Amino acid sequence: MNYLESFIEKEKQESSDLSPISYDSRLDVTFTHIRHNGLYILSTSKYKSDGSAILTFMLRLIDIFQYYFHSVEEESIRDNFVVIYELLDEVIDHGYPQFTDAKILSEFITVGAHALSSIVVPEAITNSVSWRSPGIKYKKNEVFLDVVETVDLSVNSNGSVIRSNVSGVLKMKAFLSGMPECKLGLNESIVLAIPGRDGTGKSIRLEDVKFHHCVRLAGFERDKGITFVPPDGEFNLMSYRLSNPSENPLIALDSSMELLSRTRIKYTIKLFGKFKEKCSAMNVEVKIPVVRDVTSPEVNVAIGNVTYAPEQESLIWSIKSLPGQKEYMLQVKICLPSVNSAQANEASRSDPIALKFEIPYYTVSGVQVRYLKVNEKSGYQSLPWVRYTTEAGAYEFKM
């Protein structure tokens, strides 16, 4: 308990500046913590421990609690402390993480259970395929694969790209009977970014590649094939990252602000879709920061609609569909009680213009699925579906 009291004192003193991993020299103990919905998940160690493994385990613990209780907050912790003790008893032994697959845990730890002595441990836990239970059956065998790429971009007021990267994930939903063997093939031009190895030609260099633990990696370098027995339901098969994929933004934005008088400011925003003409960006939202006390905005726009959100001190330009290789312009004149040049300049240096969008059937990196095969000893026919989507992450332009 004195460790806990020490941590609370450190948290009160440093608050938001408290590092996730901190050392208390007085007690000779290392604290590792994460925050979630106003709760602290805390681990203590007096040994040289793997901080990344501890953080990963605590994040997995939150995933397990969310699976059981749907929402992890103070009230759900109080209401389910018996089940939490049972879960902790299974997922960690003597400080070593054991088994953290929520679906398999749910087969022998049920909400409301109070004892494990009479419960038989599922075969999956002792099986080589510990992430999948035997005997799964579906009337219609289907597998859905979404290749989702998130673009982060930051452009300064001179129009220069100062940050550009893409984070990708292969999300899979498997509704397959039995114990299927799946093989997924990616483009042969993919190269893993390994120190000392350079890509050649038009190769796609993927960084920070992570696979689900069901994947067998023996043949990936040879033929870019991913072989695996999938967990039942939804999971992330693979994730990756690309740094500086392109100096050209998918959607370019040009902005200016003009002081018309002491009470009027004019904003001009131009959008240009630089992606392929046959594609369209859907649900585009442009968040334009404005000075306070704005009244009576006069909007001139050819596409979409503009609303004033006073609680966000922003104008929101919403466009349902933005075609590629097309340019659209927005002009807004706004009235204020009073404004001078200094206030206008201060406004132009405020928060950047932020964009949200998604582009279906498109990937920035060029990652493509060549095939997705499902083999199961019963020989049933399966229906694989593949979909591509690119969406905006932190996508910002300085005025």
Protein backbone atom coordinates (compact mmCIF):
# COMPACT_ATOMS: atom_id res chain seq x y z
CA MET A 1 0.00 0.00 0.00
CA ASN A 2 2.91 2.38 0.57
CA TYR A 3 3.80 1.97 -3.13
CA LEU A 4 0.28 3.05 -4.05
CA GLU A 5 0.41 6.06 -1.72
CA SER A 6 3.74 7.08 -3.24
CA PHE A 7 2.30 6.87 -6.76
CA ILE A 8 -0.73 8.98 -5.79
CA GLU A 9 1.60 11.64 -4.38
CA LYS A 10 3.65 11.66 -7.62
CA GLU A 11 0.48 11.92 -9.69
CA LYS A 12 -0.81 14.86 -7.64
CA GLN A 13 2.51 16.68 -8.00
CA GLU A 14 3.11 16.09 -11.70
CA SER A 15 -0.46 15.48 -12.96
CA SER A 16 -0.53 15.34 -16.78
CA ASP A 17 3.29 15.60 -16.93
CA LEU A 18 3.73 12.25 -15.18
CA SER A 19 5.51 9.80 -17.49
CA PRO A 20 3.83 6.41 -18.15
CA ILE A 21 7.01 4.85 -16.73
CA SER A 22 8.53 6.50 -13.63
CA TYR A 23 10.99 5.50 -10.90
CA ASP A 24 10.71 6.13 -7.16
CA SER A 25 14.25 6.18 -5.76
CA ARG A 26 13.03 6.30 -2.15
CA LEU A 27 11.16 2.98 -2.46
CA ASP A 28 13.35 1.59 -5.26
CA VAL A 29 10.29 0.74 -7.34
CA THR A 30 9.28 1.43 -10.96
CA PHE A 31 5.70 2.52 -11.71
CA THR A 32 4.13 1.78 -15.10
CA HIS A 33 0.65 3.17 -15.67
CA ILE A 34 -1.94 4.04 -18.30
CA ARG A 35 -5.14 6.08 -18.03
CA HIS A 36 -8.55 5.07 -19.32
CA ASN A 37 -11.88 6.83 -18.70
CA GLY A 38 -10.60 8.50 -15.54
CA LEU A 39 -9.12 5.24 -14.23
CA TYR A 40 -5.47 4.34 -13.63
CA ILE A 41 -4.14 0.88 -14.50
CA LEU A 42 -0.92 0.62 -12.47
CA SER A 43 1.91 -1.91 -12.40
CA THR A 44 4.83 -1.91 -9.95
CA SER A 45 8.19 -3.60 -10.30
CA LYS A 46 11.40 -3.80 -8.27
CA TYR A 47 13.27 -5.62 -11.05
CA LYS A 48 14.57 -4.78 -14.53
CA SER A 49 11.35 -5.40 -16.44
CA ASP A 50 10.33 -4.92 -20.06
CA GLY A 51 8.35 -1.66 -20.03
CA SER A 52 6.87 -2.25 -23.51
CA ALA A 53 5.60 -5.70 -22.48
CA ILE A 54 4.00 -4.27 -19.33
CA LEU A 55 2.25 -1.48 -21.27
CA THR A 56 1.07 -3.95 -23.91
CA PHE A 57 -0.29 -6.29 -21.23
CA MET A 58 -2.23 -3.47 -19.52
CA LEU A 59 -3.74 -2.40 -22.86
CA ARG A 60 -4.76 -6.03 -23.48
CA LEU A 61 -6.29 -6.07 -20.01
CA ILE A 62 -8.50 -3.08 -20.93
CA ASP A 63 -9.54 -4.89 -24.13
CA ILE A 64 -10.56 -7.94 -22.05
CA PHE A 65 -12.56 -5.79 -19.62
CA GLN A 66 -14.29 -4.02 -22.53
CA TYR A 67 -15.21 -7.39 -24.00
CA TYR A 68 -16.81 -8.43 -20.71
CA PHE A 69 -18.27 -5.15 -19.43
CA HIS A 70 -18.56 -3.10 -22.69
CA SER A 71 -17.51 0.07 -20.86
CA VAL A 72 -14.50 0.23 -18.52
CA GLU A 73 -15.21 2.87 -15.88
CA GLU A 74 -15.34 3.14 -12.11
CA GLU A 75 -18.87 1.77 -11.79
CA SER A 76 -18.25 -1.27 -14.03
CA ILE A 77 -15.07 -2.07 -12.06
CA ARG A 78 -17.01 -1.96 -8.75
CA ASP A 79 -19.87 -4.07 -10.13
CA ASN A 80 -17.62 -6.78 -11.59
CA PHE A 81 -14.70 -7.09 -9.18
CA VAL A 82 -15.29 -10.85 -8.67
CA VAL A 83 -14.96 -11.54 -12.40
CA ILE A 84 -11.93 -9.21 -12.58
CA TYR A 85 -10.14 -11.27 -9.90
CA GLU A 86 -10.89 -14.45 -11.87
CA LEU A 87 -9.61 -12.89 -15.08
CA LEU A 88 -6.41 -11.68 -13.40
CA ASP A 89 -5.88 -15.16 -12.02
CA GLU A 90 -5.89 -16.56 -15.57
CA VAL A 91 -4.06 -13.85 -17.56
CA ILE A 92 -1.03 -13.43 -15.28
CA ASP A 93 0.95 -15.80 -13.03
CA HIS A 94 3.70 -14.61 -10.68
CA GLY A 95 4.07 -11.43 -12.72
CA TYR A 96 4.30 -13.19 -16.10
CA PRO A 97 1.54 -12.58 -18.72
CA GLN A 98 -0.13 -15.82 -19.83
CA PHE A 99 -3.23 -15.77 -22.01
CA THR A 100 -5.03 -12.60 -23.13
CA ASP A 101 -7.53 -13.67 -25.80
CA ALA A 102 -10.91 -12.45 -24.54
CA LYS A 103 -13.02 -14.75 -26.72
CA ILE A 104 -11.31 -17.89 -25.45
CA LEU A 105 -11.37 -16.64 -21.85
CA SER A 106 -15.12 -16.10 -22.13
CA GLU A 107 -15.62 -19.82 -22.75
CA PHE A 108 -14.70 -20.69 -19.15
CA ILE A 109 -14.95 -17.40 -17.25
CA THR A 110 -18.54 -16.18 -17.47
CA VAL A 111 -19.97 -13.01 -15.97
CA GLY A 112 -21.35 -13.94 -12.58
CA ALA A 113 -19.02 -16.93 -12.07
CA HIS A 114 -17.51 -17.21 -8.60
CA ALA A 115 -15.26 -20.28 -8.83
CA LEU A 116 -13.06 -21.93 -11.42
CA SER A 117 -12.53 -25.27 -9.68
CA SER A 118 -15.27 -27.09 -11.59
CA ILE A 119 -14.71 -25.43 -14.96
CA VAL A 120 -12.88 -27.29 -17.72
CA VAL A 121 -10.23 -25.25 -19.53
CA PRO A 122 -11.03 -25.02 -23.27
CA GLU A 123 -8.95 -27.14 -25.63
CA ALA A 124 -7.85 -23.99 -27.47
CA ILE A 125 -5.66 -22.88 -24.55
CA THR A 126 -3.60 -26.07 -24.61
CA ASN A 127 -3.78 -26.42 -28.40
CA SER A 128 -1.16 -25.10 -30.83
CA VAL A 129 -3.90 -22.87 -32.29
CA SER A 130 -4.75 -21.20 -28.99
CA TRP A 131 -6.62 -18.29 -30.59
CA ARG A 132 -9.37 -20.42 -32.17
CA SER A 133 -11.82 -22.90 -30.66
CA PRO A 134 -12.52 -26.18 -32.50
CA GLY A 135 -15.98 -27.07 -33.77
CA ILE A 136 -17.02 -23.63 -35.09
CA LYS A 137 -19.82 -23.86 -37.67
CA TYR A 138 -21.46 -21.33 -40.01
CA LYS A 139 -24.21 -21.86 -42.58
CA LYS A 140 -22.56 -19.30 -44.87
CA ASN A 141 -18.76 -19.19 -44.83
CA GLU A 142 -17.48 -15.69 -45.52
CA VAL A 143 -14.35 -13.66 -44.88
CA PHE A 144 -14.17 -9.87 -45.17
CA LEU A 145 -10.88 -7.97 -45.52
CA ASP A 146 -10.60 -4.18 -45.26
CA VAL A 147 -7.34 -2.47 -46.23
CA VAL A 148 -7.62 0.84 -44.33
CA GLU A 149 -4.94 3.53 -44.63
CA THR A 150 -4.90 6.67 -42.48
CA VAL A 151 -3.06 9.72 -43.82
CA ASP A 152 -1.42 12.22 -41.45
CA LEU A 153 -0.32 15.49 -43.06
CA SER A 154 0.89 18.87 -41.83
CA VAL A 155 1.45 21.79 -44.22
CA ASN A 156 2.86 25.15 -43.12
CA SER A 157 1.64 28.59 -44.21
CA ASN A 158 4.12 28.60 -47.15
CA GLY A 159 2.55 25.46 -48.58
CA SER A 160 5.50 23.20 -47.69
CA VAL A 161 4.80 19.70 -46.38
CA ILE A 162 6.49 19.40 -42.96
CA ARG A 163 5.03 16.00 -42.00
CA SER A 164 3.54 13.22 -44.08
CA ASN A 165 3.02 9.58 -43.20
CA VAL A 166 0.54 6.78 -43.76
CA SER A 167 -0.58 4.16 -41.23
CA GLY A 168 -2.21 1.06 -42.69
CA VAL A 169 -4.05 -1.90 -41.22
CA LEU A 170 -5.54 -5.06 -42.72
CA LYS A 171 -8.77 -5.61 -40.78
CA MET A 172 -10.35 -9.02 -41.16
CA LYS A 173 -13.71 -10.49 -40.19
CA ALA A 174 -13.71 -14.27 -40.51
CA PHE A 175 -16.94 -16.25 -40.33
CA LEU A 176 -15.55 -19.66 -41.29
CA SER A 177 -16.37 -23.18 -40.11
CA GLY A 178 -13.88 -25.69 -38.79
CA MET A 179 -10.14 -25.00 -38.75
CA PRO A 180 -9.51 -23.17 -42.08
CA GLU A 181 -6.05 -22.52 -43.52
CA CYS A 182 -5.97 -19.09 -45.18
CA LYS A 183 -3.37 -17.61 -47.49
CA LEU A 184 -3.33 -13.97 -48.51
CA GLY A 185 -0.99 -12.59 -51.18
CA LEU A 186 0.18 -8.96 -51.39
CA ASN A 187 1.95 -7.16 -54.24
CA GLU A 188 5.38 -8.52 -55.00
CA SER A 189 6.83 -4.99 -54.94
CA ILE A 190 6.43 -4.78 -51.14
CA VAL A 191 9.72 -4.57 -49.23
CA LEU A 192 10.08 -4.55 -45.44
CA ALA A 193 12.13 -1.55 -44.29
CA ILE A 194 15.07 -3.27 -42.60
CA PRO A 195 18.20 -1.31 -41.61
CA GLY A 196 20.90 -1.78 -44.24
CA ARG A 197 18.44 -2.84 -46.95
CA ASP A 198 17.40 -0.41 -49.70
CA GLY A 199 14.34 -0.76 -51.87
CA THR A 200 14.79 -0.77 -55.64
CA GLY A 201 12.69 0.53 -58.48
CA LYS A 202 9.04 1.03 -57.60
CA SER A 203 9.18 -1.01 -54.39
CA ILE A 204 6.81 -0.17 -51.53
CA ARG A 205 8.86 0.13 -48.34
CA LEU A 206 6.74 -0.76 -45.32
CA GLU A 207 7.97 0.24 -41.85
CA ASP A 208 6.93 -0.95 -38.38
CA VAL A 209 5.19 -4.00 -39.83
CA LYS A 210 3.28 -6.02 -37.22
CA PHE A 211 1.37 -9.26 -37.77
CA HIS A 212 -1.28 -10.97 -35.67
CA HIS A 213 0.24 -13.88 -33.76
CA CYS A 214 -1.78 -16.34 -35.88
CA VAL A 215 0.43 -15.55 -38.92
CA ARG A 216 3.19 -17.93 -40.04
CA LEU A 217 5.90 -15.74 -41.53
CA ALA A 218 8.11 -18.38 -43.16
CA GLY A 219 7.10 -17.58 -46.76
CA PHE A 220 6.36 -13.86 -46.56
CA GLU A 221 9.78 -12.64 -47.74
CA ARG A 222 9.75 -15.17 -50.59
CA ASP A 223 6.36 -14.65 -52.25
CA LYS A 224 4.66 -11.96 -50.10
CA GLY A 225 2.19 -14.59 -48.94
CA ILE A 226 0.66 -14.52 -45.45
CA THR A 227 -0.42 -17.97 -44.21
CA PHE A 228 -2.59 -18.25 -41.10
CA VAL A 229 -5.44 -19.95 -39.28
CA PRO A 230 -7.71 -16.99 -38.45
CA PRO A 231 -9.36 -16.29 -35.09
CA ASP A 232 -13.14 -16.36 -35.19
CA GLY A 233 -14.68 -12.94 -35.82
CA GLU A 234 -12.88 -9.60 -36.14
CA PHE A 235 -9.14 -9.01 -35.75
CA ASN A 236 -6.24 -6.99 -37.21
CA LEU A 237 -4.19 -9.26 -39.46
CA MET A 238 -1.37 -6.80 -40.19
CA SER A 239 -0.40 -3.18 -39.60
CA TYR A 240 2.30 -1.04 -41.21
CA ARG A 241 3.51 2.52 -41.74
CA LEU A 242 5.02 4.57 -44.56
CA SER A 243 7.03 7.75 -43.98
CA ASN A 244 6.89 10.58 -46.52
CA PRO A 245 4.94 8.59 -49.13
CA SER A 246 4.39 11.69 -51.29
CA GLU A 247 5.08 15.40 -51.25
CA ASN A 248 1.69 16.01 -52.89
CA PRO A 249 -1.33 16.02 -50.55
CA LEU A 250 -4.32 13.91 -51.56
CA ILE A 251 -6.47 16.99 -51.06
CA ALA A 252 -4.62 20.29 -51.43
CA LEU A 253 -5.90 23.37 -49.63
CA ASP A 254 -5.11 27.04 -50.22
CA SER A 255 -6.41 29.64 -47.77
CA SER A 256 -6.29 33.37 -47.22
CA MET A 257 -7.87 35.85 -44.82
CA GLU A 258 -8.52 39.51 -45.70
CA LEU A 259 -9.45 42.32 -43.31
CA LEU A 260 -12.19 44.25 -45.14
CA SER A 261 -12.93 46.75 -42.36
CA ARG A 262 -12.82 47.06 -38.59
CA THR A 263 -15.82 44.74 -38.34
CA ARG A 264 -15.56 42.45 -41.39
CA ILE A 265 -13.19 39.64 -42.38
CA LYS A 266 -13.20 37.62 -45.59
CA TYR A 267 -11.99 34.00 -45.71
CA THR A 268 -11.17 32.32 -49.04
CA ILE A 269 -10.58 28.55 -49.09
CA LYS A 270 -9.74 26.49 -52.18
CA LEU A 271 -9.87 22.69 -52.24
CA PHE A 272 -8.35 20.53 -54.96
CA GLY A 273 -8.59 16.74 -55.11
CA LYS A 274 -5.24 15.49 -56.42
CA PHE A 275 -6.21 11.83 -56.47
CA LYS A 276 -7.44 9.92 -59.52
CA GLU A 277 -10.33 11.40 -61.47
CA LYS A 278 -12.40 8.22 -61.20
CA CYS A 279 -12.27 8.38 -57.37
CA SER A 280 -14.20 10.66 -55.00
CA ALA A 281 -13.53 11.74 -51.42
CA MET A 282 -16.63 11.13 -49.33
CA ASN A 283 -17.91 12.97 -46.24
CA VAL A 284 -15.35 15.76 -46.53
CA GLU A 285 -15.33 18.16 -43.58
CA VAL A 286 -13.18 21.31 -43.49
CA LYS A 287 -12.89 22.89 -40.04
CA ILE A 288 -11.85 26.56 -40.37
CA PRO A 289 -10.92 28.35 -37.11
CA VAL A 290 -12.31 31.88 -36.79
CA VAL A 291 -11.95 34.69 -34.27
CA ARG A 292 -14.48 34.90 -31.46
CA ASP A 293 -17.87 36.63 -31.52
CA VAL A 294 -18.54 35.93 -35.21
CA THR A 295 -21.98 36.98 -36.46
CA SER A 296 -23.88 36.93 -39.77
CA PRO A 297 -21.58 34.80 -41.98
CA GLU A 298 -22.18 35.45 -45.71
CA VAL A 299 -21.35 32.25 -47.59
CA ASN A 300 -20.53 31.86 -51.27
CA VAL A 301 -19.87 28.22 -52.15
CA ALA A 302 -20.42 26.03 -55.21
CA ILE A 303 -20.56 22.68 -53.42
CA GLY A 304 -21.56 21.51 -49.93
CA ASN A 305 -22.81 23.69 -47.09
CA VAL A 306 -21.22 25.80 -44.35
CA THR A 307 -22.29 26.07 -40.71
CA TYR A 308 -20.93 28.13 -37.86
CA ALA A 309 -20.03 26.14 -34.73
CA PRO A 310 -19.56 28.73 -31.95
CA GLU A 311 -18.66 26.09 -29.36
CA GLN A 312 -15.65 25.13 -31.53
CA GLU A 313 -14.97 28.71 -32.71
CA SER A 314 -14.98 27.32 -36.25
CA LEU A 315 -16.75 27.32 -39.58
CA ILE A 316 -17.52 23.79 -40.80
CA TRP A 317 -17.58 23.24 -44.58
CA SER A 318 -19.26 19.87 -45.27
CA ILE A 319 -19.06 18.21 -48.69
CA LYS A 320 -20.77 14.88 -49.31
CA SER A 321 -18.62 13.97 -52.34
CA LEU A 322 -15.48 15.66 -53.71
CA PRO A 323 -14.43 14.30 -57.16
CA GLY A 324 -10.77 13.88 -58.02
CA GLN A 325 -8.97 16.44 -60.21
CA LYS A 326 -11.62 19.09 -59.42
CA GLU A 327 -11.21 22.41 -57.59
CA TYR A 328 -13.85 24.11 -55.45
CA MET A 329 -13.77 27.43 -53.65
CA LEU A 330 -15.43 28.80 -50.55
CA GLN A 331 -15.72 32.49 -49.68
CA VAL A 332 -17.09 33.61 -46.34
CA LYS A 333 -17.53 37.14 -45.06
CA ILE A 334 -18.07 37.40 -41.33
CA CYS A 335 -18.96 40.29 -39.05
CA LEU A 336 -17.45 40.99 -35.63
CA PRO A 337 -18.08 43.65 -32.99
CA SER A 338 -14.63 45.10 -33.70
CA VAL A 339 -11.33 43.83 -35.05
CA ASN A 340 -8.00 45.36 -35.94
CA SER A 341 -5.02 44.16 -37.99
CA ALA A 342 -3.24 42.76 -34.93
CA GLN A 343 -6.28 40.65 -33.99
CA ALA A 344 -6.62 39.46 -37.58
CA ASN A 345 -2.98 38.42 -37.70
CA GLU A 346 -3.40 36.63 -34.36
CA ALA A 347 -6.39 34.76 -35.76
CA SER A 348 -4.39 33.65 -38.82
CA ARG A 349 -1.73 32.19 -36.50
CA SER A 350 -4.27 30.21 -34.46
CA ASP A 351 -5.27 26.56 -34.91
CA PRO A 352 -4.69 25.14 -38.40
CA ILE A 353 -7.47 24.23 -40.83
CA ALA A 354 -8.28 20.54 -40.28
CA LEU A 355 -9.72 18.15 -42.86
CA LYS A 356 -11.64 14.90 -42.48
CA PHE A 357 -12.48 12.62 -45.42
CA GLU A 358 -12.46 9.07 -46.70
CA ILE A 359 -11.72 7.80 -50.21
CA PRO A 360 -13.23 4.38 -50.99
CA TYR A 361 -11.50 1.91 -53.35
CA TYR A 362 -8.16 3.74 -52.99
CA THR A 363 -4.85 3.30 -51.15
CA VAL A 364 -2.02 5.81 -50.94
CA SER A 365 0.74 3.24 -50.55
CA GLY A 366 -0.28 1.05 -53.46
CA VAL A 367 -0.67 -2.03 -51.22
CA GLN A 368 -2.97 -4.50 -52.97
CA VAL A 369 -4.34 -7.95 -52.19
CA ARG A 370 -3.55 -10.28 -55.11
CA TYR A 371 -5.51 -13.24 -53.73
CA LEU A 372 -7.22 -14.56 -50.61
CA LYS A 373 -7.60 -18.35 -50.47
CA VAL A 374 -9.40 -20.43 -47.85
CA ASN A 375 -8.73 -24.18 -47.52
CA GLU A 376 -10.51 -26.40 -45.03
CA LYS A 377 -10.44 -30.22 -44.87
CA SER A 378 -14.23 -30.44 -45.36
CA GLY A 379 -13.79 -28.67 -48.72
CA TYR A 380 -16.55 -26.07 -48.35
CA GLN A 381 -16.72 -23.02 -50.64
CA SER A 382 -16.05 -19.65 -49.01
CA LEU A 383 -16.78 -16.10 -50.16
CA PRO A 384 -13.85 -13.67 -49.69
CA TRP A 385 -14.54 -9.92 -49.92
CA VAL A 386 -11.80 -7.26 -50.17
CA ARG A 387 -12.33 -3.50 -49.77
CA TYR A 388 -9.91 -0.53 -49.78
CA THR A 389 -10.35 2.76 -47.94
CA THR A 390 -8.12 5.80 -47.33
CA GLU A 391 -9.11 8.23 -44.57
CA ALA A 392 -7.73 11.38 -42.98
CA GLY A 393 -6.01 11.30 -39.62
CA ALA A 394 -4.31 14.51 -38.41
CA TYR A 395 -4.66 16.33 -41.75
CA GLU A 396 -3.89 20.02 -41.20
CA PHE A 397 -3.04 23.20 -43.12
CA LYS A 398 -1.71 26.37 -41.53
CA MET A 399 -3.45 29.52 -42.77
